[in-house]
């Protein structure tokens, strides 16, 4: 079973495993965007959001929180990080 955070429905991603015959339940998750049976949590970010979260410190807080409650935390970065870095104001921070 996969639990998808309700805020992820707009992304269209929860529909993909359903098409493969998997059961996906939408619910509000306190941590992460997707929870899989077997102690796996995924935090999904676009490349642009990842860069913004590094700048404002959210990414480190989220990584700490997800790894403290899950044995198999994953960070999924969507889109090309290289392209997003081209418009970043402080590339060295990333």
N, C-alpha and C. Protein backbone atom coordinates (compact mmCIF):
# COMPACT_ATOMS: atom_id res chain seq x y z
N UNK A 1 0.83 -1.18 0.00
CA UNK A 1 0.00 0.00 0.00
C UNK A 1 0.87 1.25 0.00
N UNK A 2 0.41 2.27 -0.66
CA UNK A 2 1.08 3.55 -0.71
C UNK A 2 0.12 4.60 -0.17
N UNK A 3 0.59 5.40 0.77
CA UNK A 3 -0.19 6.54 1.25
C UNK A 3 0.41 7.78 0.60
N UNK A 4 -0.43 8.55 -0.06
CA UNK A 4 0.01 9.78 -0.71
C UNK A 4 -0.60 10.96 0.02
N UNK A 5 0.25 11.93 0.35
CA UNK A 5 -0.26 13.13 1.01
C UNK A 5 -1.32 13.78 0.13
N UNK A 6 -2.37 14.28 0.74
CA UNK A 6 -3.47 14.86 -0.02
C UNK A 6 -3.02 16.03 -0.89
N UNK A 7 -1.94 16.71 -0.49
CA UNK A 7 -1.43 17.84 -1.29
C UNK A 7 -0.71 17.38 -2.55
N UNK A 8 -0.47 16.08 -2.67
CA UNK A 8 0.21 15.53 -3.84
C UNK A 8 -0.73 15.17 -4.98
N UNK A 9 -2.01 15.17 -4.73
CA UNK A 9 -2.99 14.77 -5.74
C UNK A 9 -2.85 15.62 -7.00
N UNK A 10 -2.62 16.94 -6.84
CA UNK A 10 -2.50 17.84 -7.99
C UNK A 10 -1.33 17.47 -8.91
N UNK A 11 -0.31 16.82 -8.37
CA UNK A 11 0.88 16.50 -9.17
C UNK A 11 0.60 15.42 -10.21
N UNK A 12 -0.44 14.62 -9.98
CA UNK A 12 -0.74 13.52 -10.89
C UNK A 12 0.07 12.26 -10.61
N UNK A 13 1.04 12.35 -9.73
CA UNK A 13 1.91 11.20 -9.43
C UNK A 13 1.14 10.06 -8.77
N UNK A 14 0.23 10.32 -7.82
CA UNK A 14 -0.48 9.19 -7.20
C UNK A 14 -1.27 8.33 -8.18
N UNK A 15 -1.62 8.87 -9.34
CA UNK A 15 -2.37 8.10 -10.34
C UNK A 15 -1.50 7.03 -11.00
N UNK A 16 -0.21 7.27 -11.10
CA UNK A 16 0.67 6.35 -11.83
C UNK A 16 0.73 4.95 -11.21
N UNK A 17 0.95 4.81 -9.89
CA UNK A 17 0.94 3.45 -9.33
C UNK A 17 -0.43 2.77 -9.41
N UNK A 18 -1.51 3.57 -9.37
CA UNK A 18 -2.85 3.00 -9.51
C UNK A 18 -2.99 2.32 -10.87
N UNK A 19 -2.43 2.95 -11.91
CA UNK A 19 -2.49 2.36 -13.25
C UNK A 19 -1.71 1.05 -13.34
N UNK A 20 -0.76 0.87 -12.39
CA UNK A 20 0.01 -0.38 -12.34
C UNK A 20 -0.65 -1.43 -11.45
N UNK A 21 -1.82 -1.09 -10.91
CA UNK A 21 -2.55 -2.04 -10.09
C UNK A 21 -2.26 -1.94 -8.60
N UNK A 22 -1.55 -0.92 -8.18
CA UNK A 22 -1.24 -0.74 -6.76
C UNK A 22 -2.33 0.07 -6.08
N UNK A 23 -2.47 -0.14 -4.79
CA UNK A 23 -3.47 0.59 -4.01
C UNK A 23 -2.82 1.85 -3.44
N UNK A 24 -3.40 3.00 -3.73
CA UNK A 24 -2.92 4.28 -3.23
C UNK A 24 -4.05 4.94 -2.45
N UNK A 25 -3.74 5.31 -1.22
CA UNK A 25 -4.73 5.98 -0.37
C UNK A 25 -4.24 7.40 -0.14
N UNK A 26 -5.08 8.38 -0.41
CA UNK A 26 -4.74 9.77 -0.15
C UNK A 26 -5.14 10.12 1.28
N UNK A 27 -4.18 10.68 2.02
CA UNK A 27 -4.45 11.15 3.37
C UNK A 27 -3.41 12.19 3.74
N UNK A 28 -3.68 12.97 4.73
CA UNK A 28 -2.74 13.98 5.18
C UNK A 28 -1.60 13.29 5.91
N UNK A 29 -0.39 13.46 5.42
CA UNK A 29 0.79 12.90 6.07
C UNK A 29 1.50 14.00 6.86
N UNK A 30 1.91 13.68 8.08
CA UNK A 30 2.63 14.66 8.90
C UNK A 30 4.05 14.88 8.38
N UNK A 31 4.64 13.83 7.85
CA UNK A 31 6.01 13.89 7.35
C UNK A 31 6.07 13.16 6.02
N UNK A 32 6.73 13.76 5.05
CA UNK A 32 6.90 13.13 3.75
C UNK A 32 5.69 13.33 2.86
N UNK A 33 5.87 12.94 1.60
CA UNK A 33 4.80 13.05 0.62
C UNK A 33 4.19 11.70 0.27
N UNK A 34 4.98 10.64 0.41
CA UNK A 34 4.52 9.28 0.11
C UNK A 34 5.07 8.34 1.18
N UNK A 35 4.21 7.47 1.69
CA UNK A 35 4.61 6.47 2.67
C UNK A 35 4.30 5.10 2.09
N UNK A 36 5.29 4.24 2.10
CA UNK A 36 5.15 2.88 1.57
C UNK A 36 5.20 1.88 2.71
N UNK A 37 4.45 0.81 2.57
CA UNK A 37 4.56 -0.29 3.51
C UNK A 37 6.01 -0.75 3.52
N UNK A 38 6.55 -0.98 4.69
CA UNK A 38 7.94 -1.42 4.78
C UNK A 38 8.87 -0.30 5.22
N UNK A 39 8.33 0.72 5.89
CA UNK A 39 9.15 1.77 6.49
C UNK A 39 9.92 2.61 5.47
N UNK A 40 9.21 3.02 4.42
CA UNK A 40 9.80 3.88 3.39
C UNK A 40 8.97 5.17 3.31
N UNK A 41 9.66 6.31 3.42
CA UNK A 41 9.03 7.62 3.25
C UNK A 41 9.76 8.37 2.16
N UNK A 42 8.99 9.02 1.30
CA UNK A 42 9.57 9.82 0.22
C UNK A 42 9.15 11.27 0.38
N UNK A 43 10.12 12.16 0.31
CA UNK A 43 9.86 13.60 0.24
C UNK A 43 10.13 14.00 -1.21
N UNK A 44 9.12 14.51 -1.89
CA UNK A 44 9.25 14.89 -3.30
C UNK A 44 9.39 16.40 -3.41
N UNK A 45 10.35 16.83 -4.18
CA UNK A 45 10.55 18.26 -4.42
C UNK A 45 10.89 18.47 -5.89
N UNK A 46 10.40 19.58 -6.42
CA UNK A 46 10.91 19.98 -7.73
C UNK A 46 12.32 20.51 -7.49
N UNK A 47 13.12 20.57 -8.53
CA UNK A 47 14.48 21.07 -8.39
C UNK A 47 14.47 22.50 -7.86
N UNK A 48 13.52 23.29 -8.33
CA UNK A 48 13.43 24.69 -7.89
C UNK A 48 13.07 24.77 -6.40
N UNK A 49 12.14 23.94 -5.96
CA UNK A 49 11.75 23.93 -4.56
C UNK A 49 12.90 23.42 -3.69
N UNK A 50 13.64 22.44 -4.19
CA UNK A 50 14.79 21.93 -3.44
C UNK A 50 15.80 23.05 -3.20
N UNK A 51 16.10 23.81 -4.23
CA UNK A 51 17.05 24.92 -4.09
C UNK A 51 16.53 25.94 -3.09
N UNK A 52 15.26 26.30 -3.20
CA UNK A 52 14.67 27.26 -2.26
C UNK A 52 14.71 26.73 -0.83
N UNK A 53 14.48 25.43 -0.66
CA UNK A 53 14.47 24.86 0.69
C UNK A 53 15.87 24.77 1.28
N UNK A 54 16.89 24.65 0.44
CA UNK A 54 18.27 24.71 0.95
C UNK A 54 18.57 26.12 1.44
N UNK A 55 18.18 27.11 0.66
CA UNK A 55 18.42 28.51 1.05
C UNK A 55 17.75 28.87 2.37
N UNK A 56 16.49 28.43 2.55
CA UNK A 56 15.78 28.84 3.78
C UNK A 56 15.90 27.83 4.92
N UNK A 57 16.63 26.74 4.70
CA UNK A 57 16.88 25.78 5.77
C UNK A 57 15.85 24.68 5.93
N UNK A 58 14.75 24.72 5.17
CA UNK A 58 13.70 23.70 5.30
C UNK A 58 14.20 22.31 4.97
N UNK A 59 15.09 22.20 3.98
CA UNK A 59 15.51 20.87 3.53
C UNK A 59 16.22 20.10 4.64
N UNK A 60 17.01 20.80 5.44
CA UNK A 60 17.75 20.13 6.52
C UNK A 60 16.81 19.69 7.64
N UNK A 61 15.84 20.53 7.95
CA UNK A 61 14.83 20.19 8.95
C UNK A 61 14.01 18.99 8.48
N UNK A 62 13.58 19.01 7.21
CA UNK A 62 12.79 17.91 6.68
C UNK A 62 13.59 16.61 6.63
N UNK A 63 14.84 16.69 6.23
CA UNK A 63 15.68 15.49 6.17
C UNK A 63 15.88 14.90 7.55
N UNK A 64 16.10 15.74 8.53
CA UNK A 64 16.27 15.27 9.91
C UNK A 64 15.00 14.60 10.41
N UNK A 65 13.87 15.24 10.17
CA UNK A 65 12.59 14.71 10.65
C UNK A 65 12.26 13.37 9.99
N UNK A 66 12.41 13.30 8.68
CA UNK A 66 12.04 12.07 7.97
C UNK A 66 12.98 10.92 8.34
N UNK A 67 14.26 11.21 8.53
CA UNK A 67 15.20 10.13 8.87
C UNK A 67 15.06 9.69 10.32
N UNK A 68 14.48 10.53 11.18
CA UNK A 68 14.31 10.14 12.58
C UNK A 68 13.11 9.22 12.78
N UNK A 69 12.17 9.22 11.85
CA UNK A 69 10.97 8.39 12.02
C UNK A 69 10.88 7.23 11.03
N UNK A 70 11.85 7.13 10.14
CA UNK A 70 11.77 6.13 9.08
C UNK A 70 13.13 5.48 8.86
N UNK A 71 13.12 4.20 8.61
CA UNK A 71 14.37 3.48 8.35
C UNK A 71 14.88 3.64 6.93
N UNK A 72 14.00 4.02 6.02
CA UNK A 72 14.37 4.14 4.60
C UNK A 72 13.85 5.45 4.02
N UNK A 73 14.43 6.58 4.43
CA UNK A 73 13.97 7.85 3.88
C UNK A 73 14.55 8.10 2.50
N UNK A 74 13.76 8.71 1.64
CA UNK A 74 14.21 9.03 0.29
C UNK A 74 13.84 10.46 -0.06
N UNK A 75 14.71 11.13 -0.77
CA UNK A 75 14.42 12.46 -1.31
C UNK A 75 14.38 12.31 -2.82
N UNK A 76 13.25 12.65 -3.40
CA UNK A 76 13.09 12.57 -4.84
C UNK A 76 13.09 14.00 -5.39
N UNK A 77 14.06 14.30 -6.23
CA UNK A 77 14.14 15.62 -6.85
C UNK A 77 13.66 15.48 -8.29
N UNK A 78 12.62 16.24 -8.59
CA UNK A 78 11.97 16.19 -9.89
C UNK A 78 12.47 17.34 -10.76
N UNK A 79 12.68 17.10 -12.01
CA UNK A 79 13.20 18.07 -12.99
C UNK A 79 14.73 18.07 -12.92
N UNK A 80 15.32 18.79 -13.81
CA UNK A 80 16.78 18.84 -13.90
C UNK A 80 17.35 19.84 -12.90
N UNK A 81 18.13 19.35 -11.95
CA UNK A 81 18.77 20.23 -10.98
C UNK A 81 19.73 21.18 -11.68
N UNK A 82 20.40 20.68 -12.71
CA UNK A 82 21.33 21.51 -13.47
C UNK A 82 20.64 22.75 -14.04
N UNK A 83 19.46 22.57 -14.60
CA UNK A 83 18.71 23.69 -15.18
C UNK A 83 18.27 24.67 -14.10
N UNK A 84 17.82 24.14 -12.96
CA UNK A 84 17.36 25.01 -11.86
C UNK A 84 18.53 25.80 -11.27
N UNK A 85 19.71 25.22 -11.27
CA UNK A 85 20.89 25.91 -10.72
C UNK A 85 21.29 27.12 -11.56
N UNK A 86 20.97 27.09 -12.85
CA UNK A 86 21.33 28.21 -13.71
C UNK A 86 20.69 29.51 -13.25
N UNK A 87 19.51 29.44 -12.66
CA UNK A 87 18.84 30.65 -12.20
C UNK A 87 19.02 30.89 -10.69
N UNK A 88 19.78 30.03 -10.02
CA UNK A 88 20.00 30.18 -8.58
C UNK A 88 20.92 31.36 -8.29
N UNK A 89 20.61 32.08 -7.25
CA UNK A 89 21.40 33.27 -6.92
C UNK A 89 22.71 32.93 -6.21
N UNK A 90 22.75 31.84 -5.46
CA UNK A 90 23.97 31.47 -4.75
C UNK A 90 24.24 29.99 -4.97
N UNK A 91 24.85 29.68 -6.09
CA UNK A 91 25.11 28.29 -6.48
C UNK A 91 26.00 27.57 -5.47
N UNK A 92 26.91 28.28 -4.81
CA UNK A 92 27.82 27.67 -3.86
C UNK A 92 27.08 27.09 -2.66
N UNK A 93 25.93 27.66 -2.30
CA UNK A 93 25.15 27.15 -1.17
C UNK A 93 24.58 25.78 -1.47
N UNK A 94 24.29 25.52 -2.71
CA UNK A 94 23.73 24.24 -3.10
C UNK A 94 24.82 23.19 -3.18
